[in-house]
Amino acid sequence: MSRVQPIGRILADVIKNLGLAKKLNEQRAVVDWPEIVGRRIAEHSRATRVDGRRLFVEVDSSVWAQELTLMKRNILREINDRVGNGTIENVHFVIGGASRYGASRAGCRED
């Protein structure tokens, strides 16, 4: 007779066995960007993807790209504290139309 297990444990085992845990943690860095950096920064930036342990973030101006580059070490620490140490090794800021996304998303950290 098999033992009944909580669904969360079963899903965790399936994710681990399929090798998806790393990809899920990377995706959390993208999805959780507004909560990681706070409303003020999220109003001017949007995480778009992870490629090779590098998080790509679209920003709305060169000024914000420079500002966030100066904050990169702290941002990396916050990301990895949230999604798992070593998940993201670098953040690459790209100038684009990020302001249209804004911080109106629920759950943004207040700064």
PDB file of N, CA and C in Angstrom:
ATOM      1  N   MET A   1       0.848  -1.179   0.000  1.00  0.00           N
ATOM      2  CA  MET A   1       0.000   0.000   0.000  1.00  0.00           C
ATOM      3  C   MET A   1       0.894   1.243   0.000  1.00  0.00           C
ATOM      4  N   SER A   2       0.611   2.181  -0.877  1.00  0.00           N
ATOM      5  CA  SER A   2       1.432   3.384  -0.974  1.00  0.00           C
ATOM      6  C   SER A   2       1.037   4.405   0.088  1.00  0.00           C
ATOM      7  N   ARG A   3       2.020   5.185   0.454  1.00  0.00           N
ATOM      8  CA  ARG A   3       1.837   6.212   1.470  1.00  0.00           C
ATOM      9  C   ARG A   3       1.344   7.501   0.814  1.00  0.00           C
ATOM     10  N   VAL A   4       0.381   8.166   1.415  1.00  0.00           N
ATOM     11  CA  VAL A   4      -0.156   9.426   0.900  1.00  0.00           C
ATOM     12  C   VAL A   4       0.840  10.539   1.230  1.00  0.00           C
ATOM     13  N   GLN A   5       1.148  11.359   0.204  1.00  0.00           N
ATOM     14  CA  GLN A   5       2.081  12.469   0.384  1.00  0.00           C
ATOM     15  C   GLN A   5       1.385  13.774   0.008  1.00  0.00           C
ATOM     16  N   PRO A   6       1.790  14.873   0.652  1.00  0.00           N
ATOM     17  CA  PRO A   6       1.222  16.176   0.285  1.00  0.00           C
ATOM     18  C   PRO A   6       1.588  16.518  -1.164  1.00  0.00           C
ATOM     19  N   ILE A   7       0.674  17.174  -1.849  1.00  0.00           N
ATOM     20  CA  ILE A   7       0.873  17.527  -3.257  1.00  0.00           C
ATOM     21  C   ILE A   7       2.108  18.403  -3.448  1.00  0.00           C
ATOM     22  N   GLY A   8       2.383  19.284  -2.492  1.00  0.00           N
ATOM     23  CA  GLY A   8       3.568  20.147  -2.596  1.00  0.00           C
ATOM     24  C   GLY A   8       4.851  19.347  -2.658  1.00  0.00           C
ATOM     25  N   ARG A   9       4.937  18.300  -1.869  1.00  0.00           N
ATOM     26  CA  ARG A   9       6.130  17.446  -1.875  1.00  0.00           C
ATOM     27  C   ARG A   9       6.227  16.687  -3.200  1.00  0.00           C
ATOM     28  N   ILE A  10       5.101  16.209  -3.695  1.00  0.00           N
ATOM     29  CA  ILE A  10       5.093  15.478  -4.967  1.00  0.00           C
ATOM     30  C   ILE A  10       5.546  16.401  -6.103  1.00  0.00           C
ATOM     31  N   LEU A  11       5.002  17.629  -6.134  1.00  0.00           N
ATOM     32  CA  LEU A  11       5.397  18.583  -7.178  1.00  0.00           C
ATOM     33  C   LEU A  11       6.871  18.945  -7.078  1.00  0.00           C
ATOM     34  N   ALA A  12       7.366  19.138  -5.869  1.00  0.00           N
ATOM     35  CA  ALA A  12       8.780  19.452  -5.678  1.00  0.00           C
ATOM     36  C   ALA A  12       9.654  18.321  -6.214  1.00  0.00           C
ATOM     37  N   ASP A  13       9.252  17.083  -5.945  1.00  0.00           N
ATOM     38  CA  ASP A  13      10.007  15.931  -6.448  1.00  0.00           C
ATOM     39  C   ASP A  13       9.973  15.870  -7.972  1.00  0.00           C
ATOM     40  N   VAL A  14       8.819  16.123  -8.564  1.00  0.00           N
ATOM     41  CA  VAL A  14       8.695  16.101 -10.025  1.00  0.00           C
ATOM     42  C   VAL A  14       9.567  17.190 -10.644  1.00  0.00           C
ATOM     43  N   ILE A  15       9.508  18.378 -10.097  1.00  0.00           N
ATOM     44  CA  ILE A  15      10.317  19.494 -10.605  1.00  0.00           C
ATOM     45  C   ILE A  15      11.798  19.154 -10.516  1.00  0.00           C
ATOM     46  N   LYS A  16      12.209  18.599  -9.396  1.00  0.00           N
ATOM     47  CA  LYS A  16      13.609  18.218  -9.214  1.00  0.00           C
ATOM     48  C   LYS A  16      14.005  17.135 -10.207  1.00  0.00           C
ATOM     49  N   ASN A  17      13.175  16.104 -10.330  1.00  0.00           N
ATOM     50  CA  ASN A  17      13.483  14.989 -11.225  1.00  0.00           C
ATOM     51  C   ASN A  17      13.538  15.400 -12.688  1.00  0.00           C
ATOM     52  N   LEU A  18      12.755  16.386 -13.077  1.00  0.00           N
ATOM     53  CA  LEU A  18      12.759  16.879 -14.453  1.00  0.00           C
ATOM     54  C   LEU A  18      13.854  17.924 -14.701  1.00  0.00           C
ATOM     55  N   GLY A  19      14.554  18.325 -13.645  1.00  0.00           N
ATOM     56  CA  GLY A  19      15.612  19.313 -13.790  1.00  0.00           C
ATOM     57  C   GLY A  19      15.099  20.721 -14.029  1.00  0.00           C
ATOM     58  N   LEU A  20      13.920  21.019 -13.523  1.00  0.00           N
ATOM     59  CA  LEU A  20      13.303  22.322 -13.766  1.00  0.00           C
ATOM     60  C   LEU A  20      13.533  23.341 -12.651  1.00  0.00           C
ATOM     61  N   ALA A  21      14.101  22.928 -11.535  1.00  0.00           N
ATOM     62  CA  ALA A  21      14.242  23.830 -10.387  1.00  0.00           C
ATOM     63  C   ALA A  21      15.046  25.080 -10.744  1.00  0.00           C
ATOM     64  N   LYS A  22      16.148  24.911 -11.454  1.00  0.00           N
ATOM     65  CA  LYS A  22      16.977  26.058 -11.833  1.00  0.00           C
ATOM     66  C   LYS A  22      16.194  27.029 -12.714  1.00  0.00           C
ATOM     67  N   LYS A  23      15.482  26.503 -13.692  1.00  0.00           N
ATOM     68  CA  LYS A  23      14.705  27.360 -14.595  1.00  0.00           C
ATOM     69  C   LYS A  23      13.588  28.089 -13.848  1.00  0.00           C
ATOM     70  N   LEU A  24      12.957  27.419 -12.903  1.00  0.00           N
ATOM     71  CA  LEU A  24      11.908  28.075 -12.116  1.00  0.00           C
ATOM     72  C   LEU A  24      12.479  29.197 -11.265  1.00  0.00           C
ATOM     73  N   ASN A  25      13.645  28.978 -10.665  1.00  0.00           N
ATOM     74  CA  ASN A  25      14.286  30.031  -9.875  1.00  0.00           C
ATOM     75  C   ASN A  25      14.666  31.214 -10.751  1.00  0.00           C
ATOM     76  N   GLU A  26      15.166  30.927 -11.954  1.00  0.00           N
ATOM     77  CA  GLU A  26      15.494  32.011 -12.882  1.00  0.00           C
ATOM     78  C   GLU A  26      14.241  32.805 -13.240  1.00  0.00           C
ATOM     79  N   GLN A  27      13.164  32.114 -13.498  1.00  0.00           N
ATOM     80  CA  GLN A  27      11.916  32.792 -13.858  1.00  0.00           C
ATOM     81  C   GLN A  27      11.388  33.632 -12.699  1.00  0.00           C
ATOM     82  N   ARG A  28      11.589  33.160 -11.472  1.00  0.00           N
ATOM     83  CA  ARG A  28      11.179  33.953 -10.301  1.00  0.00           C
ATOM     84  C   ARG A  28      11.912  35.280 -10.257  1.00  0.00           C
ATOM     85  N   ALA A  29      13.170  35.315 -10.694  1.00  0.00           N
ATOM     86  CA  ALA A  29      13.926  36.572 -10.723  1.00  0.00           C
ATOM     87  C   ALA A  29      13.251  37.566 -11.659  1.00  0.00           C
ATOM     88  N   VAL A  30      12.704  37.086 -12.759  1.00  0.00           N
ATOM     89  CA  VAL A  30      12.002  37.951 -13.716  1.00  0.00           C
ATOM     90  C   VAL A  30      10.662  38.402 -13.137  1.00  0.00           C
ATOM     91  N   VAL A  31       9.887  37.455 -12.683  1.00  0.00           N
ATOM     92  CA  VAL A  31       8.533  37.745 -12.193  1.00  0.00           C
ATOM     93  C   VAL A  31       8.569  38.603 -10.932  1.00  0.00           C
ATOM     94  N   ASP A  32       9.501  38.332 -10.046  1.00  0.00           N
ATOM     95  CA  ASP A  32       9.566  39.034  -8.760  1.00  0.00           C
ATOM     96  C   ASP A  32      10.360  40.334  -8.802  1.00  0.00           C
ATOM     97  N   TRP A  33      10.838  40.740  -9.975  1.00  0.00           N
ATOM     98  CA  TRP A  33      11.647  41.953 -10.102  1.00  0.00           C
ATOM     99  C   TRP A  33      11.038  43.156  -9.363  1.00  0.00           C
ATOM    100  N   PRO A  34       9.754  43.489  -9.563  1.00  0.00           N
ATOM    101  CA  PRO A  34       9.207  44.669  -8.868  1.00  0.00           C
ATOM    102  C   PRO A  34       9.288  44.560  -7.352  1.00  0.00           C
ATOM    103  N   GLU A  35       9.070  43.370  -6.810  1.00  0.00           N
ATOM    104  CA  GLU A  35       9.135  43.195  -5.365  1.00  0.00           C
ATOM    105  C   GLU A  35      10.578  43.224  -4.871  1.00  0.00           C
ATOM    106  N   ILE A  36      11.501  42.759  -5.695  1.00  0.00           N
ATOM    107  CA  ILE A  36      12.915  42.729  -5.313  1.00  0.00           C
ATOM    108  C   ILE A  36      13.488  44.142  -5.246  1.00  0.00           C
ATOM    109  N   VAL A  37      13.195  44.954  -6.252  1.00  0.00           N
ATOM    110  CA  VAL A  37      13.823  46.278  -6.336  1.00  0.00           C
ATOM    111  C   VAL A  37      12.974  47.409  -5.766  1.00  0.00           C
ATOM    112  N   GLY A  38      11.687  47.184  -5.583  1.00  0.00           N
ATOM    113  CA  GLY A  38      10.820  48.224  -5.052  1.00  0.00           C
ATOM    114  C   GLY A  38      10.143  49.044  -6.136  1.00  0.00           C
ATOM    115  N   ARG A  39       9.134  49.773  -5.717  1.00  0.00           N
ATOM    116  CA  ARG A  39       8.283  50.513  -6.658  1.00  0.00           C
ATOM    117  C   ARG A  39       9.035  51.562  -7.466  1.00  0.00           C
ATOM    118  N   ARG A  40       9.877  52.335  -6.811  1.00  0.00           N
ATOM    119  CA  ARG A  40      10.566  53.430  -7.497  1.00  0.00           C
ATOM    120  C   ARG A  40      11.396  52.914  -8.676  1.00  0.00           C
ATOM    121  N   ILE A  41      12.166  51.870  -8.451  1.00  0.00           N
ATOM    122  CA  ILE A  41      12.985  51.305  -9.522  1.00  0.00           C
ATOM    123  C   ILE A  41      12.110  50.588 -10.541  1.00  0.00           C
ATOM    124  N   ALA A  42      11.094  49.874 -10.079  1.00  0.00           N
ATOM    125  CA  ALA A  42      10.209  49.131 -10.988  1.00  0.00           C
ATOM    126  C   ALA A  42       9.439  50.060 -11.923  1.00  0.00           C
ATOM    127  N   GLU A  43       9.252  51.308 -11.536  1.00  0.00           N
ATOM    128  CA  GLU A  43       8.590  52.275 -12.415  1.00  0.00           C
ATOM    129  C   GLU A  43       9.428  52.579 -13.651  1.00  0.00           C
ATOM    130  N   HIS A  44      10.722  52.296 -13.566  1.00  0.00           N
ATOM    131  CA  HIS A  44      11.640  52.638 -14.648  1.00  0.00           C
ATOM    132  C   HIS A  44      12.349  51.428 -15.249  1.00  0.00           C
ATOM    133  N   SER A  45      11.974  50.242 -14.811  1.00  0.00           N
ATOM    134  CA  SER A  45      12.674  49.048 -15.290  1.00  0.00           C
ATOM    135  C   SER A  45      11.752  47.843 -15.294  1.00  0.00           C
ATOM    136  N   ARG A  46      12.152  46.845 -16.098  1.00  0.00           N
ATOM    137  CA  ARG A  46      11.390  45.605 -16.178  1.00  0.00           C
ATOM    138  C   ARG A  46      12.343  44.477 -16.530  1.00  0.00           C
ATOM    139  N   ALA A  47      12.406  43.461 -15.689  1.00  0.00           N
ATOM    140  CA  ALA A  47      13.201  42.276 -16.004  1.00  0.00           C
ATOM    141  C   ALA A  47      12.498  41.537 -17.131  1.00  0.00           C
ATOM    142  N   THR A  48      13.256  41.111 -18.139  1.00  0.00           N
ATOM    143  CA  THR A  48      12.646  40.487 -19.304  1.00  0.00           C
ATOM    144  C   THR A  48      12.966  39.005 -19.456  1.00  0.00           C
ATOM    145  N   ARG A  49      14.191  38.597 -19.113  1.00  0.00           N
ATOM    146  CA  ARG A  49      14.556  37.190 -19.300  1.00  0.00           C
ATOM    147  C   ARG A  49      15.870  36.891 -18.598  1.00  0.00           C
ATOM    148  N   VAL A  50      16.154  35.595 -18.489  1.00  0.00           N
ATOM    149  CA  VAL A  50      17.440  35.128 -17.986  1.00  0.00           C
ATOM    150  C   VAL A  50      18.070  34.275 -19.071  1.00  0.00           C
ATOM    151  N   ASP A  51      19.331  34.541 -19.336  1.00  0.00           N
ATOM    152  CA  ASP A  51      20.078  33.756 -20.319  1.00  0.00           C
ATOM    153  C   ASP A  51      21.477  33.536 -19.768  1.00  0.00           C
ATOM    154  N   GLY A  52      21.836  32.283 -19.547  1.00  0.00           N
ATOM    155  CA  GLY A  52      23.172  31.986 -19.037  1.00  0.00           C
ATOM    156  C   GLY A  52      23.446  32.584 -17.675  1.00  0.00           C
ATOM    157  N   ARG A  53      22.482  32.522 -16.786  1.00  0.00           N
ATOM    158  CA  ARG A  53      22.575  33.047 -15.418  1.00  0.00           C
ATOM    159  C   ARG A  53      22.732  34.567 -15.391  1.00  0.00           C
ATOM    160  N   ARG A  54      22.373  35.210 -16.498  1.00  0.00           N
ATOM    161  CA  ARG A  54      22.411  36.671 -16.592  1.00  0.00           C
ATOM    162  C   ARG A  54      20.993  37.173 -16.773  1.00  0.00           C
ATOM    163  N   LEU A  55      20.572  38.065 -15.873  1.00  0.00           N
ATOM    164  CA  LEU A  55      19.239  38.658 -15.921  1.00  0.00           C
ATOM    165  C   LEU A  55      19.288  39.905 -16.793  1.00  0.00           C
ATOM    166  N   PHE A  56      18.398  39.958 -17.783  1.00  0.00           N
ATOM    167  CA  PHE A  56      18.292  41.130 -18.654  1.00  0.00           C
ATOM    168  C   PHE A  56      17.155  42.010 -18.148  1.00  0.00           C
ATOM    169  N   VAL A  57      17.466  43.288 -17.976  1.00  0.00           N
ATOM    170  CA  VAL A  57      16.503  44.246 -17.448  1.00  0.00           C
ATOM    171  C   VAL A  57      16.419  45.429 -18.401  1.00  0.00           C
ATOM    172  N   GLU A  58      15.205  45.701 -18.843  1.00  0.00           N
ATOM    173  CA  GLU A  58      14.950  46.846 -19.710  1.00  0.00           C
ATOM    174  C   GLU A  58      14.729  48.072 -18.825  1.00  0.00           C
ATOM    175  N   VAL A  59      15.385  49.168 -19.152  1.00  0.00           N
ATOM    176  CA  VAL A  59      15.220  50.417 -18.406  1.00  0.00           C
ATOM    177  C   VAL A  59      14.770  51.513 -19.366  1.00  0.00           C
ATOM    178  N   ASP A  60      14.159  52.560 -18.811  1.00  0.00           N
ATOM    179  CA  ASP A  60      13.572  53.571 -19.693  1.00  0.00           C
ATOM    180  C   ASP A  60      14.503  54.710 -20.070  1.00  0.00           C
ATOM    181  N   SER A  61      15.740  54.718 -19.566  1.00  0.00           N
ATOM    182  CA  SER A  61      16.670  55.782 -19.955  1.00  0.00           C
ATOM    183  C   SER A  61      18.097  55.374 -19.615  1.00  0.00           C
ATOM    184  N   SER A  62      19.034  56.079 -20.230  1.00  0.00           N
ATOM    185  CA  SER A  62      20.445  55.819 -19.937  1.00  0.00           C
ATOM    186  C   SER A  62      20.784  56.224 -18.498  1.00  0.00           C
ATOM    187  N   VAL A  63      20.076  57.218 -17.986  1.00  0.00           N
ATOM    188  CA  VAL A  63      20.296  57.635 -16.597  1.00  0.00           C
ATOM    189  C   VAL A  63      19.964  56.488 -15.644  1.00  0.00           C
ATOM    190  N   TRP A  64      18.827  55.821 -15.876  1.00  0.00           N
ATOM    191  CA  TRP A  64      18.451  54.686 -15.023  1.00  0.00           C
ATOM    192  C   TRP A  64      19.392  53.505 -15.234  1.00  0.00           C
ATOM    193  N   ALA A  65      19.857  53.306 -16.451  1.00  0.00           N
ATOM    194  CA  ALA A  65      20.820  52.228 -16.692  1.00  0.00           C
ATOM    195  C   ALA A  65      22.083  52.465 -15.863  1.00  0.00           C
ATOM    196  N   GLN A  66      22.560  53.689 -15.855  1.00  0.00           N
ATOM    197  CA  GLN A  66      23.753  54.034 -15.078  1.00  0.00           C
ATOM    198  C   GLN A  66      23.504  53.873 -13.581  1.00  0.00           C
ATOM    199  N   GLU A  67      22.375  54.381 -13.114  1.00  0.00           N
ATOM    200  CA  GLU A  67      22.041  54.292 -11.683  1.00  0.00           C
ATOM    201  C   GLU A  67      21.967  52.835 -11.233  1.00  0.00           C
ATOM    202  N   LEU A  68      21.295  52.012 -12.009  1.00  0.00           N
ATOM    203  CA  LEU A  68      21.140  50.605 -11.633  1.00  0.00           C
ATOM    204  C   LEU A  68      22.459  49.845 -11.760  1.00  0.00           C
ATOM    205  N   THR A  69      23.292  50.254 -12.700  1.00  0.00           N
ATOM    206  CA  THR A  69      24.615  49.640 -12.802  1.00  0.00           C
ATOM    207  C   THR A  69      25.413  49.894 -11.529  1.00  0.00           C
ATOM    208  N   LEU A  70      25.300  51.089 -10.993  1.00  0.00           N
ATOM    209  CA  LEU A  70      25.989  51.404  -9.735  1.00  0.00           C
ATOM    210  C   LEU A  70      25.423  50.606  -8.551  1.00  0.00           C
ATOM    211  N   MET A  71      24.167  50.201  -8.657  1.00  0.00           N
ATOM    212  CA  MET A  71      23.507  49.443  -7.593  1.00  0.00           C
ATOM    213  C   MET A  71      23.557  47.929  -7.828  1.00  0.00           C
ATOM    214  N   LYS A  72      24.226  47.510  -8.879  1.00  0.00           N
ATOM    215  CA  LYS A  72      24.180  46.120  -9.327  1.00  0.00           C
ATOM    216  C   LYS A  72      24.553  45.115  -8.228  1.00  0.00           C
ATOM    217  N   ARG A  73      25.575  45.374  -7.482  1.00  0.00           N
ATOM    218  CA  ARG A  73      26.006  44.433  -6.440  1.00  0.00           C
ATOM    219  C   ARG A  73      24.885  44.184  -5.428  1.00  0.00           C
ATOM    220  N   ASN A  74      24.238  45.257  -4.980  1.00  0.00           N
ATOM    221  CA  ASN A  74      23.133  45.108  -4.026  1.00  0.00           C
ATOM    222  C   ASN A  74      21.927  44.425  -4.665  1.00  0.00           C
ATOM    223  N   ILE A  75      21.646  44.760  -5.911  1.00  0.00           N
ATOM    224  CA  ILE A  75      20.525  44.138  -6.614  1.00  0.00           C
ATOM    225  C   ILE A  75      20.763  42.632  -6.751  1.00  0.00           C
ATOM    226  N   LEU A  76      21.974  42.250  -7.138  1.00  0.00           N
ATOM    227  CA  LEU A  76      22.299  40.828  -7.255  1.00  0.00           C
ATOM    228  C   LEU A  76      22.117  40.090  -5.935  1.00  0.00           C
ATOM    229  N   ARG A  77      22.556  40.713  -4.866  1.00  0.00           N
ATOM    230  CA  ARG A  77      22.394  40.095  -3.545  1.00  0.00           C
ATOM    231  C   ARG A  77      20.912  39.909  -3.215  1.00  0.00           C
ATOM    232  N   GLU A  78      20.101  40.923  -3.469  1.00  0.00           N
ATOM    233  CA  GLU A  78      18.661  40.829  -3.201  1.00  0.00           C
ATOM    234  C   GLU A  78      18.010  39.734  -4.045  1.00  0.00           C
ATOM    235  N   ILE A  79      18.378  39.678  -5.314  1.00  0.00           N
ATOM    236  CA  ILE A  79      17.812  38.653  -6.201  1.00  0.00           C
ATOM    237  C   ILE A  79      18.150  37.260  -5.681  1.00  0.00           C
ATOM    238  N   ASN A  80      19.418  37.021  -5.418  1.00  0.00           N
ATOM    239  CA  ASN A  80      19.846  35.690  -5.003  1.00  0.00           C
ATOM    240  C   ASN A  80      19.359  35.324  -3.610  1.00  0.00           C
ATOM    241  N   ASP A  81      19.167  36.309  -2.746  1.00  0.00           N
ATOM    242  CA  ASP A  81      18.544  36.029  -1.448  1.00  0.00           C
ATOM    243  C   ASP A  81      17.123  35.519  -1.643  1.00  0.00           C
ATOM    244  N   ARG A  82      16.465  36.032  -2.655  1.00  0.00           N
ATOM    245  CA  ARG A  82      15.066  35.671  -2.890  1.00  0.00           C
ATOM    246  C   ARG A  82      14.898  34.371  -3.676  1.00  0.00           C
ATOM    247  N   VAL A  83      15.706  34.168  -4.718  1.00  0.00           N
ATOM    248  CA  VAL A  83      15.479  33.033  -5.615  1.00  0.00           C
ATOM    249  C   VAL A  83      16.474  31.896  -5.459  1.00  0.00           C
ATOM    250  N   GLY A  84      17.499  32.092  -4.672  1.00  0.00           N
ATOM    251  CA  GLY A  84      18.488  31.034  -4.468  1.00  0.00           C
ATOM    252  C   GLY A  84      19.874  31.519  -4.831  1.00  0.00           C
ATOM    253  N   ASN A  85      20.778  31.348  -3.903  1.00  0.00           N
ATOM    254  CA  ASN A  85      22.140  31.836  -4.078  1.00  0.00           C
ATOM    255  C   ASN A  85      22.780  31.258  -5.331  1.00  0.00           C
ATOM    256  N   GLY A  86      23.357  32.124  -6.156  1.00  0.00           N
ATOM    257  CA  GLY A  86      24.037  31.700  -7.361  1.00  0.00           C
ATOM    258  C   GLY A  86      23.140  31.514  -8.571  1.00  0.00           C
ATOM    259  N   THR A  87      21.833  31.730  -8.415  1.00  0.00           N
ATOM    260  CA  THR A  87      20.922  31.573  -9.558  1.00  0.00           C
ATOM    261  C   THR A  87      21.241  32.600 -10.633  1.00  0.00           C
ATOM    262  N   ILE A  88      21.465  33.837 -10.222  1.00  0.00           N
ATOM    263  CA  ILE A  88      21.787  34.926 -11.149  1.00  0.00           C
ATOM    264  C   ILE A  88      23.201  35.406 -10.833  1.00  0.00           C
ATOM    265  N   GLU A  89      24.061  35.437 -11.860  1.00  0.00           N
ATOM    266  CA  GLU A  89      25.438  35.872 -11.663  1.00  0.00           C
ATOM    267  C   GLU A  89      25.682  37.308 -12.116  1.00  0.00           C
ATOM    268  N   ASN A  90      24.824  37.810 -13.004  1.00  0.00           N
ATOM    269  CA  ASN A  90      25.034  39.152 -13.523  1.00  0.00           C
ATOM    270  C   ASN A  90      23.688  39.738 -13.949  1.00  0.00           C
ATOM    271  N   VAL A  91      23.628  41.057 -13.964  1.00  0.00           N
ATOM    272  CA  VAL A  91      22.448  41.759 -14.450  1.00  0.00           C
ATOM    273  C   VAL A  91      22.905  42.668 -15.580  1.00  0.00           C
ATOM    274  N   HIS A  92      22.205  42.597 -16.696  1.00  0.00           N
ATOM    275  CA  HIS A  92      22.534  43.394 -17.874  1.00  0.00           C
ATOM    276  C   HIS A  92      21.381  44.360 -18.127  1.00  0.00           C
ATOM    277  N   PHE A  93      21.669  45.656 -18.086  1.00  0.00           N
ATOM    278  CA  PHE A  93      20.644  46.679 -18.272  1.00  0.00           C
ATOM    279  C   PHE A  93      20.631  47.142 -19.727  1.00  0.00           C
ATOM    280  N   VAL A  94      19.433  47.130 -20.324  1.00  0.00           N
ATOM    281  CA  VAL A  94      19.236  47.486 -21.718  1.00  0.00           C
ATOM    282  C   VAL A  94      18.234  48.631 -21.779  1.00  0.00           C
ATOM    283  N   ILE A  95      18.549  49.660 -22.541  1.00  0.00           N
ATOM    284  CA  ILE A  95      17.633  50.797 -22.661  1.00  0.00           C
ATOM    285  C   ILE A  95      16.492  50.409 -23.590  1.00  0.00           C
ATOM    286  N   GLY A  96      15.253  50.647 -23.110  1.00  0.00           N
ATOM    287  CA  GLY A  96      14.059  50.321 -23.876  1.00  0.00           C
ATOM    288  C   GLY A  96      12.880  51.083 -23.329  1.00  0.00           C
ATOM    289  N   GLY A  97      11.683  50.624 -23.577  1.00  0.00           N
ATOM    290  CA  GLY A  97      10.465  51.311 -23.163  1.00  0.00           C
ATOM    291  C   GLY A  97       9.890  50.798 -21.868  1.00  0.00           C
ATOM    292  N   ALA A  98      10.707  50.591 -20.873  1.00  0.00           N
ATOM    293  CA  ALA A  98      10.254  49.973 -19.623  1.00  0.00           C
ATOM    294  C   ALA A  98       9.231  50.799 -18.866  1.00  0.00           C
ATOM    295  N   SER A  99       9.203  52.112 -19.036  1.00  0.00           N
ATOM    296  CA  SER A  99       8.303  52.938 -18.221  1.00  0.00           C
ATOM    297  C   SER A  99       6.838  52.605 -18.447  1.00  0.00           C
ATOM    298  N   ARG A 100       6.522  52.037 -19.582  1.00  0.00           N
ATOM    299  CA  ARG A 100       5.116  51.704 -19.844  1.00  0.00           C
ATOM    300  C   ARG A 100       4.602  50.599 -18.929  1.00  0.00           C
ATOM    301  N   TYR A 101       5.508  49.886 -18.277  1.00  0.00           N
ATOM    302  CA  TYR A 101       5.093  48.800 -17.392  1.00  0.00           C
ATOM    303  C   TYR A 101       4.829  49.298 -15.982  1.00  0.00           C
ATOM    304  N   GLY A 102       5.569  50.295 -15.551  1.00  0.00           N
ATOM    305  CA  GLY A 102       5.324  50.959 -14.268  1.00  0.00           C
ATOM    306  C   GLY A 102       5.239  50.051 -13.068  1.00  0.00           C
ATOM    307  N   ALA A 103       4.933  50.648 -11.943  1.00  0.00           N
ATOM    308  CA  ALA A 103       4.865  49.916 -10.678  1.00  0.00           C
ATOM    309  C   ALA A 103       3.432  49.704 -10.249  1.00  0.00           C
ATOM    310  N   SER A 104       2.520  49.791 -11.176  1.00  0.00           N
ATOM    311  CA  SER A 104       1.115  49.610 -10.785  1.00  0.00           C
ATOM    312  C   SER A 104       0.808  48.165 -10.424  1.00  0.00           C
ATOM    313  N   ARG A 105       1.771  47.269 -10.683  1.00  0.00           N
ATOM    314  CA  ARG A 105       1.577  45.870 -10.326  1.00  0.00           C
ATOM    315  C   ARG A 105       1.468  45.736  -8.811  1.00  0.00           C
ATOM    316  N   ALA A 106       0.573  44.900  -8.385  1.00  0.00           N
ATOM    317  CA  ALA A 106       0.411  44.668  -6.957  1.00  0.00           C
ATOM    318  C   ALA A 106       1.646  44.021  -6.394  1.00  0.00           C
ATOM    319  N   GLY A 107       1.965  44.328  -5.162  1.00  0.00           N
ATOM    320  CA  GLY A 107       3.038  43.662  -4.460  1.00  0.00           C
ATOM    321  C   GLY A 107       4.381  44.348  -4.542  1.00  0.00           C
ATOM    322  N   CYS A 108       4.469  45.497  -5.197  1.00  0.00           N
ATOM    323  CA  CYS A 108       5.745  46.182  -5.261  1.00  0.00           C
ATOM    324  C   CYS A 108       6.126  46.679  -3.876  1.00  0.00           C
ATOM    325  N   ARG A 109       7.372  46.460  -3.528  1.00  0.00           N
ATOM    326  CA  ARG A 109       7.894  46.897  -2.252  1.00  0.00           C
ATOM    327  C   ARG A 109       7.927  48.418  -2.221  1.00  0.00           C
ATOM    328  N   GLU A 110       7.545  49.006  -1.127  1.00  0.00           N
ATOM    329  CA  GLU A 110       7.622  50.454  -0.970  1.00  0.00           C
ATOM    330  C   GLU A 110       9.037  50.836  -0.577  1.00  0.00           C
ATOM    331  N   ASP A 111       9.582  51.881  -1.184  1.00  0.00           N
ATOM    332  CA  ASP A 111      10.908  52.384  -0.819  1.00  0.00           C
ATOM    333  C   ASP A 111      10.800  53.690  -0.089  1.00  0.00           C
TER     334      ASP A 111
END
